[in-house]
Amino acid sequence: MKRRLELTVNDECLDVEIEPHRTLLEVLREELGFTGAKEGCGLGACGACTVLVDGAPVLSCLTLALEVQGKTVTTVEGLVKNGQPDPVQKAFVDHGAIQCGFCTPGSVMSAKALLEKNSNPSGQEIREALAGNLCRCTGYQKIIEAVGSLAKPR
């Protein structure tokens, strides 16, 4: 039996009927058309599906969609404002922190959450915040440099 889900995704209030067993990732991608978050492992081990729920990074492949009832979800698509990429997205491009791009949306969202919480993270804090995001291409250094370039001294 389908259930009603009301949530805000990327500043848009949405209402959708879903099966209760559907994950947030499935609903975002298949029902709502937000395909930025990727399913890498489906086990919560790779971080490719990371989105922000009320500003906190969440593995959407492990989160039942009904758990975000009434909450605000931000996907990588929601970071673009007026056709301009978010500074985190721009830094990833500028620093060559993307290659195949599969992990990039999840890594960007984890970095965004970190920078919203801590505007001047240390290299160690950046590594800790991104520890759940696996990348097979970049070797991580360029990702850490991209996030570090956005640090604002206090």
N, C-alpha and C. Protein backbone atom coordinates (compact mmCIF):
# COMPACT_ATOMS: atom_id res chain seq x y z
N MET A 1 0.83 -1.18 0.00
CA MET A 1 0.00 0.00 0.00
C MET A 1 0.88 1.25 0.00
N LYS A 2 0.65 2.13 -0.93
CA LYS A 2 1.46 3.33 -1.06
C LYS A 2 1.16 4.31 0.07
N ARG A 3 2.22 5.10 0.39
CA ARG A 3 2.10 6.12 1.42
C ARG A 3 2.49 7.47 0.83
N ARG A 4 1.94 8.49 1.38
CA ARG A 4 2.21 9.85 0.92
C ARG A 4 3.48 10.37 1.60
N LEU A 5 4.35 10.96 0.80
CA LEU A 5 5.59 11.55 1.30
C LEU A 5 5.61 13.01 0.90
N GLU A 6 5.71 13.87 1.88
CA GLU A 6 5.85 15.30 1.66
C GLU A 6 7.24 15.71 2.11
N LEU A 7 7.97 16.37 1.24
CA LEU A 7 9.31 16.82 1.56
C LEU A 7 9.67 17.99 0.67
N THR A 8 10.75 18.64 1.01
CA THR A 8 11.28 19.72 0.19
C THR A 8 12.59 19.23 -0.40
N VAL A 9 12.70 19.27 -1.71
CA VAL A 9 13.93 18.89 -2.39
C VAL A 9 14.41 20.08 -3.20
N ASN A 10 15.61 20.52 -2.89
CA ASN A 10 16.21 21.64 -3.61
C ASN A 10 15.27 22.85 -3.67
N ASP A 11 14.73 23.18 -2.52
CA ASP A 11 13.85 24.35 -2.34
C ASP A 11 12.48 24.20 -3.00
N GLU A 12 12.11 23.00 -3.40
CA GLU A 12 10.81 22.76 -4.02
C GLU A 12 10.00 21.81 -3.14
N CYS A 13 8.81 22.25 -2.71
CA CYS A 13 7.95 21.40 -1.90
C CYS A 13 7.32 20.35 -2.81
N LEU A 14 7.48 19.10 -2.42
CA LEU A 14 7.00 17.99 -3.25
C LEU A 14 6.12 17.05 -2.44
N ASP A 15 5.25 16.38 -3.15
CA ASP A 15 4.32 15.44 -2.56
C ASP A 15 4.27 14.25 -3.51
N VAL A 16 4.60 13.08 -3.02
CA VAL A 16 4.66 11.90 -3.88
C VAL A 16 4.11 10.69 -3.13
N GLU A 17 3.47 9.80 -3.87
CA GLU A 17 2.97 8.53 -3.31
C GLU A 17 4.03 7.47 -3.58
N ILE A 18 4.48 6.78 -2.52
CA ILE A 18 5.54 5.79 -2.68
C ILE A 18 5.22 4.53 -1.89
N GLU A 19 5.87 3.45 -2.28
CA GLU A 19 5.84 2.22 -1.50
C GLU A 19 6.70 2.45 -0.26
N PRO A 20 6.29 1.98 0.91
CA PRO A 20 7.02 2.26 2.15
C PRO A 20 8.45 1.71 2.18
N HIS A 21 8.76 0.72 1.37
CA HIS A 21 10.10 0.13 1.38
C HIS A 21 11.11 0.88 0.50
N ARG A 22 10.68 1.90 -0.21
CA ARG A 22 11.56 2.61 -1.14
C ARG A 22 12.58 3.46 -0.38
N THR A 23 13.81 3.44 -0.88
CA THR A 23 14.85 4.26 -0.27
C THR A 23 14.75 5.69 -0.80
N LEU A 24 15.39 6.58 -0.06
CA LEU A 24 15.44 7.97 -0.50
C LEU A 24 16.11 8.06 -1.86
N LEU A 25 17.18 7.31 -2.06
CA LEU A 25 17.88 7.31 -3.35
C LEU A 25 16.94 6.90 -4.48
N GLU A 26 16.19 5.84 -4.28
CA GLU A 26 15.25 5.37 -5.32
C GLU A 26 14.21 6.44 -5.64
N VAL A 27 13.67 7.06 -4.60
CA VAL A 27 12.63 8.07 -4.82
C VAL A 27 13.21 9.30 -5.51
N LEU A 28 14.38 9.74 -5.06
CA LEU A 28 15.00 10.90 -5.70
C LEU A 28 15.25 10.65 -7.18
N ARG A 29 15.84 9.51 -7.50
CA ARG A 29 16.21 9.22 -8.88
C ARG A 29 15.03 8.81 -9.74
N GLU A 30 14.24 7.86 -9.26
CA GLU A 30 13.21 7.24 -10.11
C GLU A 30 11.86 7.95 -10.08
N GLU A 31 11.52 8.56 -8.98
CA GLU A 31 10.22 9.22 -8.88
C GLU A 31 10.31 10.72 -9.15
N LEU A 32 11.41 11.33 -8.70
CA LEU A 32 11.51 12.79 -8.76
C LEU A 32 12.49 13.31 -9.81
N GLY A 33 13.30 12.43 -10.39
CA GLY A 33 14.19 12.83 -11.48
C GLY A 33 15.48 13.49 -11.06
N PHE A 34 15.84 13.42 -9.79
CA PHE A 34 17.11 13.97 -9.32
C PHE A 34 18.15 12.85 -9.38
N THR A 35 18.88 12.81 -10.47
CA THR A 35 19.78 11.68 -10.73
C THR A 35 21.24 11.95 -10.35
N GLY A 36 21.52 13.07 -9.70
CA GLY A 36 22.88 13.39 -9.31
C GLY A 36 23.47 12.38 -8.34
N ALA A 37 22.71 12.03 -7.31
CA ALA A 37 23.18 11.02 -6.36
C ALA A 37 23.21 9.67 -7.08
N LYS A 38 24.28 8.94 -6.86
CA LYS A 38 24.47 7.66 -7.56
C LYS A 38 24.39 6.50 -6.59
N GLU A 39 23.99 5.34 -7.09
CA GLU A 39 24.08 4.13 -6.29
C GLU A 39 25.37 3.42 -6.68
N GLY A 40 26.32 3.47 -5.77
CA GLY A 40 27.60 2.82 -6.02
C GLY A 40 27.58 1.40 -5.51
N CYS A 41 27.34 1.26 -4.22
CA CYS A 41 27.41 -0.07 -3.60
C CYS A 41 26.06 -0.54 -3.08
N GLY A 42 25.16 0.37 -2.76
CA GLY A 42 23.87 -0.01 -2.19
C GLY A 42 23.97 -0.48 -0.76
N LEU A 43 25.14 -0.34 -0.16
CA LEU A 43 25.38 -0.84 1.19
C LEU A 43 25.83 0.26 2.16
N GLY A 44 25.91 1.48 1.69
CA GLY A 44 26.34 2.58 2.53
C GLY A 44 27.84 2.64 2.75
N ALA A 45 28.61 1.99 1.90
CA ALA A 45 30.05 1.93 2.09
C ALA A 45 30.83 2.87 1.18
N CYS A 46 30.20 3.45 0.14
CA CYS A 46 30.97 4.22 -0.83
C CYS A 46 30.69 5.72 -0.82
N GLY A 47 29.54 6.16 -0.34
CA GLY A 47 29.22 7.57 -0.27
C GLY A 47 28.73 8.22 -1.56
N ALA A 48 28.63 7.47 -2.65
CA ALA A 48 28.20 8.05 -3.93
C ALA A 48 26.77 8.58 -3.86
N CYS A 49 25.99 8.10 -2.91
CA CYS A 49 24.58 8.48 -2.80
C CYS A 49 24.34 9.59 -1.78
N THR A 50 25.40 10.21 -1.28
CA THR A 50 25.27 11.21 -0.22
C THR A 50 24.46 12.42 -0.68
N VAL A 51 23.46 12.76 0.12
CA VAL A 51 22.68 13.98 -0.04
C VAL A 51 22.62 14.65 1.33
N LEU A 52 22.13 15.86 1.39
CA LEU A 52 21.97 16.54 2.67
C LEU A 52 20.51 16.49 3.08
N VAL A 53 20.27 16.10 4.31
CA VAL A 53 18.93 16.13 4.89
C VAL A 53 18.99 17.09 6.07
N ASP A 54 18.25 18.17 5.96
CA ASP A 54 18.31 19.25 6.94
C ASP A 54 19.76 19.65 7.21
N GLY A 55 20.56 19.68 6.13
CA GLY A 55 21.93 20.15 6.19
C GLY A 55 22.98 19.12 6.57
N ALA A 56 22.55 17.93 6.96
CA ALA A 56 23.51 16.89 7.38
C ALA A 56 23.67 15.85 6.27
N PRO A 57 24.90 15.37 6.04
CA PRO A 57 25.10 14.35 5.02
C PRO A 57 24.46 13.03 5.43
N VAL A 58 23.75 12.43 4.47
CA VAL A 58 23.02 11.18 4.70
C VAL A 58 23.27 10.26 3.51
N LEU A 59 23.44 8.99 3.80
CA LEU A 59 23.56 7.99 2.74
C LEU A 59 22.15 7.64 2.28
N SER A 60 21.77 8.13 1.12
CA SER A 60 20.39 7.96 0.68
C SER A 60 20.04 6.54 0.29
N CYS A 61 21.05 5.69 0.05
CA CYS A 61 20.76 4.29 -0.27
C CYS A 61 20.35 3.49 0.96
N LEU A 62 20.65 4.01 2.14
CA LEU A 62 20.30 3.33 3.39
C LEU A 62 19.14 3.99 4.12
N THR A 63 18.66 5.09 3.59
CA THR A 63 17.61 5.86 4.25
C THR A 63 16.28 5.58 3.59
N LEU A 64 15.32 5.11 4.37
CA LEU A 64 13.98 4.95 3.81
C LEU A 64 13.43 6.34 3.51
N ALA A 65 12.80 6.47 2.38
CA ALA A 65 12.28 7.77 1.96
C ALA A 65 11.32 8.34 3.00
N LEU A 66 10.52 7.48 3.61
CA LEU A 66 9.55 7.96 4.60
C LEU A 66 10.22 8.57 5.83
N GLU A 67 11.50 8.28 6.04
CA GLU A 67 12.22 8.87 7.17
C GLU A 67 12.45 10.36 6.98
N VAL A 68 12.34 10.86 5.76
CA VAL A 68 12.57 12.29 5.52
C VAL A 68 11.26 13.06 5.37
N GLN A 69 10.17 12.47 5.82
CA GLN A 69 8.87 13.14 5.81
C GLN A 69 9.00 14.52 6.46
N GLY A 70 8.60 15.55 5.73
CA GLY A 70 8.61 16.91 6.25
C GLY A 70 9.98 17.56 6.34
N LYS A 71 11.01 16.90 5.86
CA LYS A 71 12.37 17.44 5.97
C LYS A 71 12.81 18.08 4.65
N THR A 72 13.97 18.71 4.71
CA THR A 72 14.54 19.37 3.54
C THR A 72 15.72 18.55 3.03
N VAL A 73 15.65 18.18 1.77
CA VAL A 73 16.71 17.40 1.12
C VAL A 73 17.38 18.28 0.08
N THR A 74 18.70 18.24 0.07
CA THR A 74 19.45 18.96 -0.95
C THR A 74 20.30 17.94 -1.70
N THR A 75 20.16 17.93 -3.01
CA THR A 75 20.98 17.07 -3.86
C THR A 75 22.02 17.95 -4.55
N VAL A 76 22.94 17.32 -5.23
CA VAL A 76 23.98 18.08 -5.92
C VAL A 76 23.37 19.05 -6.94
N GLU A 77 22.25 18.69 -7.53
CA GLU A 77 21.59 19.59 -8.48
C GLU A 77 21.12 20.88 -7.80
N GLY A 78 20.77 20.77 -6.53
CA GLY A 78 20.27 21.92 -5.79
C GLY A 78 21.33 22.93 -5.40
N LEU A 79 22.59 22.59 -5.60
CA LEU A 79 23.65 23.53 -5.27
C LEU A 79 23.82 24.60 -6.34
N VAL A 80 23.41 24.31 -7.54
CA VAL A 80 23.51 25.27 -8.64
C VAL A 80 22.46 26.36 -8.44
N LYS A 81 22.88 27.61 -8.44
CA LYS A 81 21.97 28.74 -8.27
C LYS A 81 22.11 29.69 -9.45
N ASN A 82 20.99 30.02 -10.07
CA ASN A 82 20.98 30.92 -11.23
C ASN A 82 21.95 30.46 -12.31
N GLY A 83 22.03 29.15 -12.50
CA GLY A 83 22.89 28.59 -13.53
C GLY A 83 24.37 28.56 -13.18
N GLN A 84 24.70 28.99 -11.97
CA GLN A 84 26.10 29.04 -11.54
C GLN A 84 26.39 27.92 -10.54
N PRO A 85 27.50 27.23 -10.73
CA PRO A 85 27.84 26.16 -9.78
C PRO A 85 28.16 26.73 -8.40
N ASP A 86 27.91 25.94 -7.40
CA ASP A 86 28.28 26.28 -6.03
C ASP A 86 29.81 26.38 -5.96
N PRO A 87 30.34 27.18 -5.05
CA PRO A 87 31.80 27.25 -4.92
C PRO A 87 32.47 25.88 -4.71
N VAL A 88 31.80 24.98 -4.03
CA VAL A 88 32.37 23.64 -3.84
C VAL A 88 32.47 22.92 -5.18
N GLN A 89 31.42 22.99 -5.97
CA GLN A 89 31.46 22.36 -7.29
C GLN A 89 32.55 22.97 -8.15
N LYS A 90 32.65 24.29 -8.11
CA LYS A 90 33.67 24.99 -8.90
C LYS A 90 35.08 24.60 -8.45
N ALA A 91 35.28 24.51 -7.15
CA ALA A 91 36.60 24.13 -6.63
C ALA A 91 36.98 22.72 -7.08
N PHE A 92 36.02 21.80 -7.11
CA PHE A 92 36.32 20.45 -7.57
C PHE A 92 36.80 20.47 -9.02
N VAL A 93 36.14 21.27 -9.85
CA VAL A 93 36.54 21.38 -11.25
C VAL A 93 37.90 22.05 -11.36
N ASP A 94 38.06 23.18 -10.69
CA ASP A 94 39.29 23.95 -10.78
C ASP A 94 40.52 23.19 -10.31
N HIS A 95 40.34 22.29 -9.36
CA HIS A 95 41.47 21.55 -8.80
C HIS A 95 41.61 20.14 -9.39
N GLY A 96 40.85 19.85 -10.41
CA GLY A 96 40.96 18.53 -11.03
C GLY A 96 40.55 17.41 -10.10
N ALA A 97 39.59 17.69 -9.24
CA ALA A 97 39.16 16.72 -8.24
C ALA A 97 38.10 15.77 -8.77
N ILE A 98 37.85 15.82 -10.06
CA ILE A 98 36.90 14.90 -10.67
C ILE A 98 37.58 14.22 -11.85
N GLN A 99 37.28 12.97 -12.01
CA GLN A 99 37.76 12.27 -13.19
C GLN A 99 36.57 11.57 -13.82
N CYS A 100 36.24 10.39 -13.35
CA CYS A 100 35.08 9.71 -13.96
C CYS A 100 33.78 10.38 -13.52
N GLY A 101 33.80 11.04 -12.36
CA GLY A 101 32.64 11.78 -11.89
C GLY A 101 31.62 10.99 -11.10
N PHE A 102 31.80 9.69 -10.97
CA PHE A 102 30.79 8.88 -10.29
C PHE A 102 30.67 9.23 -8.81
N CYS A 103 31.80 9.42 -8.15
CA CYS A 103 31.77 9.73 -6.71
C CYS A 103 31.58 11.21 -6.44
N THR A 104 31.75 12.03 -7.46
CA THR A 104 31.78 13.48 -7.27
C THR A 104 30.55 14.05 -6.57
N PRO A 105 29.32 13.70 -6.97
CA PRO A 105 28.18 14.30 -6.27
C PRO A 105 28.18 14.03 -4.76
N GLY A 106 28.47 12.81 -4.37
CA GLY A 106 28.51 12.49 -2.95
C GLY A 106 29.64 13.20 -2.23
N SER A 107 30.79 13.27 -2.86
CA SER A 107 31.94 13.97 -2.25
C SER A 107 31.65 15.46 -2.12
N VAL A 108 31.05 16.04 -3.14
CA VAL A 108 30.69 17.47 -3.09
C VAL A 108 29.72 17.72 -1.95
N MET A 109 28.75 16.84 -1.77
CA MET A 109 27.75 17.05 -0.72
C MET A 109 28.37 16.91 0.66
N SER A 110 29.27 15.96 0.83
CA SER A 110 29.97 15.82 2.12
C SER A 110 30.82 17.05 2.40
N ALA A 111 31.50 17.55 1.37
CA ALA A 111 32.33 18.74 1.52
C ALA A 111 31.47 19.96 1.84
N LYS A 112 30.35 20.08 1.18
CA LYS A 112 29.43 21.21 1.43
C LYS A 112 28.97 21.21 2.88
N ALA A 113 28.59 20.03 3.39
CA ALA A 113 28.14 19.93 4.78
C ALA A 113 29.26 20.33 5.73
N LEU A 114 30.47 19.87 5.46
CA LEU A 114 31.61 20.22 6.31
C LEU A 114 31.81 21.72 6.34
N LEU A 115 31.84 22.35 5.17
CA LEU A 115 32.13 23.78 5.08
C LEU A 115 31.01 24.64 5.67
N GLU A 116 29.80 24.14 5.66
CA GLU A 116 28.69 24.87 6.29
C GLU A 116 28.85 24.83 7.82
N LYS A 117 29.38 23.74 8.31
CA LYS A 117 29.56 23.54 9.75
C LYS A 117 30.86 24.17 10.25
N ASN A 118 31.90 24.10 9.41
CA ASN A 118 33.24 24.55 9.79
C ASN A 118 33.86 25.25 8.58
N SER A 119 33.89 26.56 8.61
CA SER A 119 34.37 27.31 7.43
C SER A 119 35.88 27.27 7.26
N ASN A 120 36.60 26.77 8.24
CA ASN A 120 38.05 26.72 8.14
C ASN A 120 38.57 25.36 8.64
N PRO A 121 38.19 24.29 7.94
CA PRO A 121 38.62 22.97 8.40
C PRO A 121 40.10 22.71 8.13
N SER A 122 40.70 21.95 9.02
CA SER A 122 42.08 21.52 8.82
C SER A 122 42.09 20.39 7.79
N GLY A 123 43.27 20.06 7.31
CA GLY A 123 43.40 18.93 6.39
C GLY A 123 42.86 17.65 7.01
N GLN A 124 43.12 17.44 8.29
CA GLN A 124 42.62 16.25 8.98
C GLN A 124 41.09 16.26 9.05
N GLU A 125 40.51 17.41 9.33
CA GLU A 125 39.05 17.52 9.40
C GLU A 125 38.42 17.25 8.03
N ILE A 126 39.07 17.72 6.98
CA ILE A 126 38.58 17.45 5.62
C ILE A 126 38.63 15.96 5.35
N ARG A 127 39.75 15.33 5.67
CA ARG A 127 39.87 13.88 5.44
C ARG A 127 38.82 13.11 6.23
N GLU A 128 38.57 13.50 7.46
CA GLU A 128 37.56 12.82 8.28
C GLU A 128 36.16 13.00 7.70
N ALA A 129 35.85 14.20 7.24
CA ALA A 129 34.52 14.47 6.68
C ALA A 129 34.28 13.69 5.39
N LEU A 130 35.35 13.45 4.65
CA LEU A 130 35.24 12.75 3.36
C LEU A 130 35.56 11.25 3.47
N ALA A 131 35.80 10.77 4.67
CA ALA A 131 36.22 9.38 4.86
C ALA A 131 35.21 8.37 4.32
N GLY A 132 33.95 8.72 4.29
CA GLY A 132 32.92 7.81 3.80
C GLY A 132 32.69 7.87 2.31
N ASN A 133 33.47 8.69 1.61
CA ASN A 133 33.32 8.84 0.16
C ASN A 133 34.51 8.19 -0.54
N LEU A 134 34.25 7.11 -1.23
CA LEU A 134 35.31 6.40 -1.93
C LEU A 134 35.46 6.92 -3.35
N CYS A 135 36.70 7.04 -3.78
CA CYS A 135 37.01 7.48 -5.14
C CYS A 135 38.09 6.55 -5.69
N ARG A 136 37.86 6.04 -6.87
CA ARG A 136 38.83 5.13 -7.47
C ARG A 136 39.74 5.82 -8.47
N CYS A 137 39.53 7.10 -8.71
CA CYS A 137 40.28 7.78 -9.77
C CYS A 137 41.30 8.80 -9.27
N THR A 138 40.92 9.65 -8.32
CA THR A 138 41.73 10.84 -8.06
C THR A 138 42.86 10.65 -7.07
N GLY A 139 42.83 9.61 -6.29
CA GLY A 139 43.84 9.46 -5.25
C GLY A 139 43.58 10.38 -4.08
N TYR A 140 42.45 11.05 -4.05
CA TYR A 140 41.96 11.88 -2.94
C TYR A 140 42.69 13.21 -2.74
N GLN A 141 43.94 13.32 -3.09
CA GLN A 141 44.68 14.55 -2.79
C GLN A 141 44.03 15.77 -3.45
N LYS A 142 43.60 15.63 -4.69
CA LYS A 142 42.99 16.76 -5.38
C LYS A 142 41.64 17.14 -4.75
N ILE A 143 40.92 16.15 -4.24
CA ILE A 143 39.66 16.42 -3.55
C ILE A 143 39.94 17.21 -2.28
N ILE A 144 40.93 16.77 -1.51
CA ILE A 144 41.29 17.46 -0.27
C ILE A 144 41.76 18.88 -0.57
N GLU A 145 42.54 19.05 -1.63
CA GLU A 145 43.01 20.39 -2.02
C GLU A 145 41.83 21.27 -2.43
N ALA A 146 40.88 20.72 -3.16
CA ALA A 146 39.71 21.50 -3.57
C ALA A 146 38.94 22.01 -2.38
N VAL A 147 38.68 21.14 -1.43
CA VAL A 147 37.93 21.54 -0.23
C VAL A 147 38.77 22.53 0.58
N GLY A 148 40.05 22.26 0.73
CA GLY A 148 40.93 23.15 1.47
C GLY A 148 41.02 24.54 0.88
N SER A 149 40.87 24.63 -0.44
CA SER A 149 40.94 25.95 -1.09
C SER A 149 39.78 26.86 -0.69
N LEU A 150 38.74 26.27 -0.15
CA LEU A 150 37.56 27.04 0.25
C LEU A 150 37.58 27.43 1.72
N ALA A 151 38.58 26.96 2.45
CA ALA A 151 38.68 27.27 3.88
C ALA A 151 38.85 28.77 4.07
N LYS A 152 38.10 29.30 5.01
CA LYS A 152 38.15 30.73 5.32
C LYS A 152 38.69 30.91 6.74
N PRO A 153 39.86 31.55 6.86
CA PRO A 153 40.41 31.77 8.21
C PRO A 153 39.42 32.50 9.08
N ARG A 154 39.42 32.12 10.33
CA ARG A 154 38.47 32.72 11.30
C ARG A 154 38.92 34.07 11.75
